[in-house]
């Protein structure tokens, strides 16, 4: 038993090992590895299922609601699984590779049109592939932030690694939103074969995720915190985890608010393609809205430290929500008749979304 423990710890660095450029790059890669796939999944999946796959919009909406409910259950289960994991590579590192492989496979499945004749058969396939992809995304979406806690416990170094994560996520997200429509046009070819185009784009996004995830896996070196924490911290059962959450009313209020906000935000983001195609009759505008969607958090990254130092987190959240509402109302009043005003007001909304999202995590930590 002792030999096995020593063997496991040989793959970990000492708890006081300094943070290096390798650590920063591995954190950036693990956070950004799946973002091209995620942008495709979150932005175009609904449009694909209705306008390319040929499913009824109502059925697709119900499917996404079911998947969202399951996602709410799946996320904490993934967190508990990571907490209980003990491997020779550490707690989080294996899931970076597993999640990358799962996303690469499930993304291609989700954006492929199988030779199924019946509507029921197609819907079953859509449910299976879409929920599987969502679960695969959860693996990396949960693992990448937790990885920071496996590299350092120092608050300053944690903030540094977090900024590297956001930088990677933002760069890949903007690149994805700026190029997806162009790649679809290229892959569709002169005959405009959108079935083949979406499948090829999924293969490209999945390949990028797999390569980046594998690179992150080989670069990561977790610290040996377990040897210290096991002696200082008690072990909790799943029942105790759930009980502690249910007794924390402030955490529950905040998490409900965040979940509702993100649900409506995700719904809006997933219908961009419909909006620019059918309401504005200009699909090329999708890239502008999508880029703003993912560039908004950049303003939050640059300002959140100053804001938290000078204002209460609750006040920052309220102001961010006002910005979101103001941008949306102004777009409603102007009808997006001018591309310039549409982009301006959309920018106000997405900056608010970015500030809200970045401030939500510290507030959840505070209540926890």
Protein backbone atom coordinates (compact mmCIF):
# COMPACT_ATOMS: atom_id res chain seq x y z
CA UNK A 1 0.00 0.00 0.00
CA UNK A 2 2.81 2.38 0.96
CA UNK A 3 4.71 1.59 -2.26
CA UNK A 4 1.62 2.33 -4.32
CA UNK A 5 1.17 5.67 -2.54
CA UNK A 6 4.80 6.62 -3.20
CA UNK A 7 4.41 5.62 -6.87
CA UNK A 8 1.32 7.81 -7.21
CA UNK A 9 3.07 10.80 -5.65
CA UNK A 10 6.01 10.52 -8.05
CA UNK A 11 3.66 11.90 -10.71
CA UNK A 12 2.82 14.93 -8.55
CA UNK A 13 4.92 17.95 -7.66
CA UNK A 14 5.46 19.06 -4.06
CA UNK A 15 2.72 21.27 -2.62
CA UNK A 16 5.10 24.26 -2.45
CA UNK A 17 6.39 23.94 -6.03
CA UNK A 18 6.42 27.37 -7.75
CA UNK A 19 4.00 28.22 -10.55
CA UNK A 20 5.85 28.14 -13.87
CA UNK A 21 5.09 29.16 -17.44
CA UNK A 22 4.33 25.49 -18.12
CA UNK A 23 1.60 25.58 -15.46
CA UNK A 24 0.11 28.75 -16.94
CA UNK A 25 0.10 27.30 -20.46
CA UNK A 26 -1.40 24.00 -19.29
CA UNK A 27 -4.16 25.89 -17.47
CA UNK A 28 -4.85 28.00 -20.55
CA UNK A 29 -4.95 24.92 -22.81
CA UNK A 30 -7.24 22.95 -20.51
CA UNK A 31 -9.70 25.86 -20.29
CA UNK A 32 -9.61 26.80 -24.00
CA UNK A 33 -9.27 23.31 -25.53
CA UNK A 34 -13.00 22.74 -25.97
CA UNK A 35 -14.13 26.30 -26.67
CA UNK A 36 -14.36 25.98 -30.47
CA UNK A 37 -16.51 22.89 -29.94
CA UNK A 38 -18.54 24.67 -27.24
CA UNK A 39 -19.21 27.72 -29.43
CA UNK A 40 -20.47 25.42 -32.20
CA UNK A 41 -22.55 23.42 -29.70
CA UNK A 42 -24.11 26.39 -27.90
CA UNK A 43 -24.56 28.69 -30.89
CA UNK A 44 -25.64 26.49 -33.80
CA UNK A 45 -26.97 23.20 -32.39
CA UNK A 46 -30.59 24.36 -32.26
CA UNK A 47 -30.44 25.78 -35.81
CA UNK A 48 -28.78 22.57 -37.05
CA UNK A 49 -31.44 20.30 -35.55
CA UNK A 50 -34.35 22.27 -37.03
CA UNK A 51 -33.06 23.59 -40.38
CA UNK A 52 -30.53 20.89 -41.34
CA UNK A 53 -31.50 17.77 -39.39
CA UNK A 54 -35.18 18.50 -40.06
CA UNK A 55 -36.72 18.15 -36.60
CA UNK A 56 -39.78 20.02 -35.36
CA UNK A 57 -38.75 23.24 -33.51
CA UNK A 58 -41.06 22.43 -30.59
CA UNK A 59 -39.48 19.00 -30.18
CA UNK A 60 -36.00 20.52 -30.29
CA UNK A 61 -36.95 23.11 -27.68
CA UNK A 62 -38.26 20.39 -25.38
CA UNK A 63 -35.09 18.36 -25.92
CA UNK A 64 -32.92 21.31 -24.94
CA UNK A 65 -35.02 21.97 -21.84
CA UNK A 66 -34.61 18.32 -20.77
CA UNK A 67 -30.87 18.52 -21.44
CA UNK A 68 -30.61 21.73 -19.38
CA UNK A 69 -32.40 20.13 -16.42
CA UNK A 70 -30.09 17.12 -16.61
CA UNK A 71 -27.10 19.44 -16.87
CA UNK A 72 -28.12 21.06 -13.58
CA UNK A 73 -28.02 17.61 -11.95
CA UNK A 74 -24.93 16.47 -13.81
CA UNK A 75 -22.67 19.40 -12.87
CA UNK A 76 -22.54 18.82 -9.08
CA UNK A 77 -22.22 15.07 -9.64
CA UNK A 78 -19.13 15.73 -11.77
CA UNK A 79 -17.71 17.95 -9.03
CA UNK A 80 -18.23 15.21 -6.44
CA UNK A 81 -16.66 12.64 -8.78
CA UNK A 82 -13.54 14.78 -9.19
CA UNK A 83 -13.34 15.29 -5.42
CA UNK A 84 -13.45 11.52 -4.86
CA UNK A 85 -10.93 10.69 -7.60
CA UNK A 86 -7.45 9.38 -6.73
CA UNK A 87 -5.11 8.44 -9.58
CA UNK A 88 -1.36 8.40 -10.22
CA UNK A 89 -1.79 11.64 -12.21
CA UNK A 90 -3.89 13.42 -9.60
CA UNK A 91 -7.58 14.33 -9.31
CA UNK A 92 -8.25 16.48 -12.36
CA UNK A 93 -5.61 15.67 -14.98
CA UNK A 94 -7.22 12.40 -16.24
CA UNK A 95 -10.54 14.15 -16.88
CA UNK A 96 -8.87 16.70 -19.17
CA UNK A 97 -7.94 13.89 -21.56
CA UNK A 98 -11.16 11.90 -21.05
CA UNK A 99 -13.29 15.00 -21.64
CA UNK A 100 -11.39 15.93 -24.81
CA UNK A 101 -11.88 12.46 -26.31
CA UNK A 102 -15.56 12.42 -25.32
CA UNK A 103 -16.20 15.84 -26.87
CA UNK A 104 -14.39 14.95 -30.12
CA UNK A 105 -16.56 11.84 -30.56
CA UNK A 106 -19.92 13.20 -29.36
CA UNK A 107 -19.56 16.48 -31.30
CA UNK A 108 -19.28 14.62 -34.62
CA UNK A 109 -22.22 12.42 -33.61
CA UNK A 110 -24.34 15.46 -32.70
CA UNK A 111 -23.69 17.29 -35.98
CA UNK A 112 -24.17 14.29 -38.26
CA UNK A 113 -27.40 13.30 -40.01
CA UNK A 114 -27.87 9.50 -39.78
CA UNK A 115 -29.84 7.50 -42.33
CA UNK A 116 -32.93 7.19 -40.13
CA UNK A 117 -36.33 7.46 -41.80
CA UNK A 118 -38.75 7.78 -38.89
CA UNK A 119 -39.25 11.07 -37.03
CA UNK A 120 -39.17 9.21 -33.71
CA UNK A 121 -35.88 7.52 -34.55
CA UNK A 122 -34.32 10.83 -35.52
CA UNK A 123 -35.52 12.45 -32.31
CA UNK A 124 -34.11 9.60 -30.19
CA UNK A 125 -30.75 9.97 -31.95
CA UNK A 126 -30.84 13.76 -31.40
CA UNK A 127 -31.61 13.32 -27.68
CA UNK A 128 -28.82 10.78 -27.24
CA UNK A 129 -26.13 12.70 -29.14
CA UNK A 130 -27.05 16.13 -27.74
CA UNK A 131 -27.19 15.02 -24.08
CA UNK A 132 -24.00 12.98 -24.52
CA UNK A 133 -22.25 16.05 -25.92
CA UNK A 134 -23.55 18.17 -23.04
CA UNK A 135 -22.22 15.67 -20.52
CA UNK A 136 -18.87 15.57 -22.32
CA UNK A 137 -18.65 19.37 -22.17
CA UNK A 138 -19.44 19.20 -18.45
CA UNK A 139 -16.36 17.02 -17.87
CA UNK A 140 -14.03 19.77 -19.15
CA UNK A 141 -16.19 22.66 -18.01
CA UNK A 142 -15.91 21.42 -14.41
CA UNK A 143 -12.35 20.09 -14.60
CA UNK A 144 -10.60 23.18 -15.99
CA UNK A 145 -11.58 25.59 -13.16
CA UNK A 146 -10.93 22.95 -10.47
CA UNK A 147 -7.46 22.37 -11.94
CA UNK A 148 -6.41 25.78 -10.60
CA UNK A 149 -6.96 24.53 -7.04
CA UNK A 150 -4.70 21.56 -7.83
CA UNK A 151 -1.85 23.83 -8.89
CA UNK A 152 -1.82 26.39 -6.08
CA UNK A 153 -3.63 27.50 -2.94
CA UNK A 154 -2.18 31.00 -3.03
CA UNK A 155 -4.92 33.63 -3.79
CA UNK A 156 -2.62 35.80 -5.92
CA UNK A 157 -1.35 32.88 -8.00
CA UNK A 158 -4.93 31.62 -8.30
CA UNK A 159 -5.96 34.97 -9.78
CA UNK A 160 -3.03 34.82 -12.20
CA UNK A 161 -3.93 31.34 -13.42
CA UNK A 162 -7.58 32.39 -13.69
CA UNK A 163 -6.60 35.30 -15.96
CA UNK A 164 -4.64 32.90 -18.19
CA UNK A 165 -7.74 30.71 -18.40
CA UNK A 166 -9.98 33.60 -19.41
CA UNK A 167 -7.43 34.81 -21.93
CA UNK A 168 -7.33 31.41 -23.62
CA UNK A 169 -11.11 31.01 -23.55
CA UNK A 170 -11.65 34.49 -25.00
CA UNK A 171 -9.08 34.09 -27.80
CA UNK A 172 -10.45 30.73 -28.97
CA UNK A 173 -14.09 31.84 -28.61
CA UNK A 174 -13.58 34.96 -30.71
CA UNK A 175 -11.64 32.96 -33.29
CA UNK A 176 -14.46 30.40 -33.41
CA UNK A 177 -17.26 32.93 -33.83
CA UNK A 178 -15.29 34.82 -36.48
CA UNK A 179 -14.53 31.73 -38.59
CA UNK A 180 -17.42 29.26 -38.15
CA UNK A 181 -19.65 30.72 -40.85
CA UNK A 182 -16.72 30.98 -43.27
CA UNK A 183 -15.78 27.35 -42.68
CA UNK A 184 -19.40 26.29 -43.19
CA UNK A 185 -19.43 28.09 -46.54
CA UNK A 186 -16.18 26.42 -47.60
CA UNK A 187 -17.23 22.95 -46.44
CA UNK A 188 -20.67 23.27 -48.09
CA UNK A 189 -18.99 23.66 -51.48
CA UNK A 190 -20.61 24.95 -54.68
CA UNK A 191 -23.59 22.64 -54.22
CA UNK A 192 -24.36 24.08 -50.78
CA UNK A 193 -24.37 20.74 -48.96
CA UNK A 194 -25.00 21.92 -45.39
CA UNK A 195 -25.27 18.38 -44.01
CA UNK A 196 -21.68 17.69 -45.03
CA UNK A 197 -20.62 21.21 -43.99
CA UNK A 198 -21.78 20.85 -40.38
CA UNK A 199 -20.25 17.40 -40.06
CA UNK A 200 -16.88 18.60 -41.39
CA UNK A 201 -16.95 21.63 -39.08
CA UNK A 202 -17.67 19.28 -36.15
CA UNK A 203 -14.71 17.10 -37.16
CA UNK A 204 -12.48 20.18 -37.27
CA UNK A 205 -13.69 21.48 -33.88
CA UNK A 206 -13.43 18.02 -32.32
CA UNK A 207 -9.90 17.55 -33.64
CA UNK A 208 -8.81 20.90 -32.19
CA UNK A 209 -10.29 19.90 -28.82
CA UNK A 210 -8.57 16.52 -28.87
CA UNK A 211 -5.13 17.92 -29.78
CA UNK A 212 -5.30 20.77 -27.25
CA UNK A 213 -6.70 18.51 -24.52
CA UNK A 214 -3.97 15.90 -25.07
CA UNK A 215 -1.30 18.61 -24.99
CA UNK A 216 -2.74 19.97 -21.74
CA UNK A 217 -2.82 16.48 -20.22
CA UNK A 218 0.89 15.90 -20.90
CA UNK A 219 1.84 19.38 -19.65
CA UNK A 220 -0.14 19.39 -16.38
CA UNK A 221 1.64 18.61 -13.13
CA UNK A 222 -0.70 18.64 -10.15
CA UNK A 223 0.62 19.38 -6.66
CA UNK A 224 0.58 16.87 -3.84
CA UNK A 225 -1.99 18.67 -1.69
CA UNK A 226 -3.77 15.47 -0.64
CA UNK A 227 -0.92 14.37 1.61
CA UNK A 228 -1.42 17.59 3.62
CA UNK A 229 -5.18 18.08 3.39
CA UNK A 230 -6.08 14.50 4.31
CA UNK A 231 -4.57 15.03 7.76
CA UNK A 232 -6.25 18.42 8.28
CA UNK A 233 -9.65 18.12 6.61
CA UNK A 234 -12.39 15.58 7.33
CA UNK A 235 -13.93 13.53 4.53
CA UNK A 236 -17.57 14.24 3.67
CA UNK A 237 -20.22 11.94 2.25
CA UNK A 238 -22.47 12.86 -0.68
CA UNK A 239 -25.38 13.15 1.77
CA UNK A 240 -23.43 15.71 3.82
CA UNK A 241 -22.56 17.67 0.67
CA UNK A 242 -26.23 17.89 -0.32
CA UNK A 243 -27.37 18.70 3.21
CA UNK A 244 -24.89 21.58 3.53
CA UNK A 245 -26.12 23.09 0.27
CA UNK A 246 -29.81 22.83 1.19
CA UNK A 247 -29.19 24.58 4.52
CA UNK A 248 -27.39 27.53 2.92
CA UNK A 249 -30.29 29.78 1.90
CA UNK A 250 -28.09 32.57 0.55
CA UNK A 251 -26.23 30.15 -1.68
CA UNK A 252 -29.53 28.71 -2.92
CA UNK A 253 -30.94 32.18 -3.69
CA UNK A 254 -27.82 33.15 -5.59
CA UNK A 255 -27.49 29.87 -7.49
CA UNK A 256 -31.16 30.06 -8.55
CA UNK A 257 -30.62 33.60 -9.80
CA UNK A 258 -27.48 32.65 -11.70
CA UNK A 259 -29.11 29.56 -13.22
CA UNK A 260 -32.15 31.55 -14.39
CA UNK A 261 -29.96 34.30 -15.82
CA UNK A 262 -27.73 31.84 -17.67
CA UNK A 263 -30.75 29.87 -18.94
CA UNK A 264 -32.29 32.97 -20.57
CA UNK A 265 -28.89 34.12 -21.82
CA UNK A 266 -28.18 30.69 -23.37
CA UNK A 267 -31.63 30.71 -25.00
CA UNK A 268 -30.89 34.10 -26.55
CA UNK A 269 -27.43 33.04 -27.73
CA UNK A 270 -28.75 29.82 -29.28
CA UNK A 271 -31.31 31.74 -31.37
CA UNK A 272 -28.92 34.28 -32.92
CA UNK A 273 -28.79 32.34 -36.17
CA UNK A 274 -32.58 32.27 -36.46
CA UNK A 275 -32.79 35.97 -35.71
CA UNK A 276 -30.28 37.17 -38.29
CA UNK A 277 -31.55 34.69 -40.92
CA UNK A 278 -35.30 35.22 -40.60
CA UNK A 279 -35.80 38.61 -38.91
CA UNK A 280 -32.89 40.54 -40.41
CA UNK A 281 -32.49 38.40 -43.57
CA UNK A 282 -28.71 38.68 -43.23
CA UNK A 283 -26.99 35.53 -41.88
CA UNK A 284 -23.58 37.22 -42.11
CA UNK A 285 -24.51 39.33 -39.06
CA UNK A 286 -24.30 36.20 -36.91
CA UNK A 287 -20.52 36.53 -36.64
CA UNK A 288 -20.80 40.10 -35.31
CA UNK A 289 -23.25 39.16 -32.56
CA UNK A 290 -21.36 35.98 -31.67
CA UNK A 291 -17.99 37.78 -31.44
CA UNK A 292 -19.53 40.42 -29.14
CA UNK A 293 -21.04 37.61 -27.09
CA UNK A 294 -17.62 36.16 -26.30
CA UNK A 295 -15.63 39.41 -26.32
CA UNK A 296 -17.85 40.99 -23.63
CA UNK A 297 -16.09 39.17 -20.77
CA UNK A 298 -12.81 40.83 -21.80
CA UNK A 299 -14.09 44.11 -20.35
CA UNK A 300 -15.02 42.20 -17.21
CA UNK A 301 -11.53 40.68 -16.99
CA UNK A 302 -9.94 44.11 -17.26
CA UNK A 303 -12.23 45.81 -14.73
CA UNK A 304 -13.42 43.19 -12.23
CA UNK A 305 -10.43 43.57 -9.86
CA UNK A 306 -10.90 47.35 -9.64
CA UNK A 307 -14.68 47.01 -9.29
CA UNK A 308 -14.46 44.49 -6.45
CA UNK A 309 -11.95 46.69 -4.62
CA UNK A 310 -14.22 49.76 -4.77
CA UNK A 311 -17.78 48.40 -4.73
CA UNK A 312 -19.84 45.68 -3.05
CA UNK A 313 -20.23 42.54 -5.15
CA UNK A 314 -24.03 42.76 -4.85
CA UNK A 315 -24.01 46.30 -6.26
CA UNK A 316 -21.78 45.18 -9.14
CA UNK A 317 -24.23 42.37 -9.95
CA UNK A 318 -27.20 44.75 -9.95
CA UNK A 319 -25.41 47.23 -12.22
CA UNK A 320 -24.43 44.41 -14.58
CA UNK A 321 -28.06 43.30 -14.81
CA UNK A 322 -29.13 46.89 -15.53
CA UNK A 323 -26.61 47.01 -18.40
CA UNK A 324 -27.98 43.75 -19.82
CA UNK A 325 -31.56 45.03 -19.63
CA UNK A 326 -30.66 48.48 -21.01
CA UNK A 327 -28.88 47.05 -24.05
CA UNK A 328 -31.77 44.68 -24.77
CA UNK A 329 -34.43 47.40 -24.39
CA UNK A 330 -32.55 49.80 -26.67
CA UNK A 331 -32.28 47.09 -29.31
CA UNK A 332 -36.00 46.43 -28.99
CA UNK A 333 -36.86 50.12 -29.36
CA UNK A 334 -34.60 50.65 -32.38
CA UNK A 335 -35.56 47.35 -33.98
CA UNK A 336 -31.95 46.65 -35.02
CA UNK A 337 -32.64 48.60 -38.21
CA UNK A 338 -29.10 49.96 -38.15
CA UNK A 339 -26.18 47.54 -37.96
CA UNK A 340 -24.09 50.14 -36.11
CA UNK A 341 -26.64 50.73 -33.33
CA UNK A 342 -27.36 47.01 -33.10
CA UNK A 343 -23.66 46.28 -32.48
CA UNK A 344 -23.38 49.19 -30.01
CA UNK A 345 -26.37 48.15 -27.92
CA UNK A 346 -25.43 44.46 -28.14
CA UNK A 347 -21.97 45.40 -26.82
CA UNK A 348 -23.60 47.06 -23.78
CA UNK A 349 -25.58 43.88 -23.12
CA UNK A 350 -22.64 41.51 -23.46
CA UNK A 351 -20.32 43.64 -21.33
CA UNK A 352 -23.00 43.41 -18.65
CA UNK A 353 -23.17 39.63 -19.15
CA UNK A 354 -19.38 39.41 -18.82
CA UNK A 355 -19.24 41.44 -15.60
CA UNK A 356 -22.15 39.44 -14.16
CA UNK A 357 -20.56 36.09 -15.02
CA UNK A 358 -17.14 37.01 -13.62
CA UNK A 359 -18.65 38.37 -10.40
CA UNK A 360 -21.01 35.42 -9.91
CA UNK A 361 -18.25 32.93 -9.06
CA UNK A 362 -16.66 35.01 -6.24
CA UNK A 363 -20.14 35.64 -4.80
CA UNK A 364 -20.93 31.92 -4.86
CA UNK A 365 -17.61 31.22 -3.14
CA UNK A 366 -18.43 33.86 -0.51
CA UNK A 367 -21.81 32.29 0.27
CA UNK A 368 -20.31 28.79 0.25
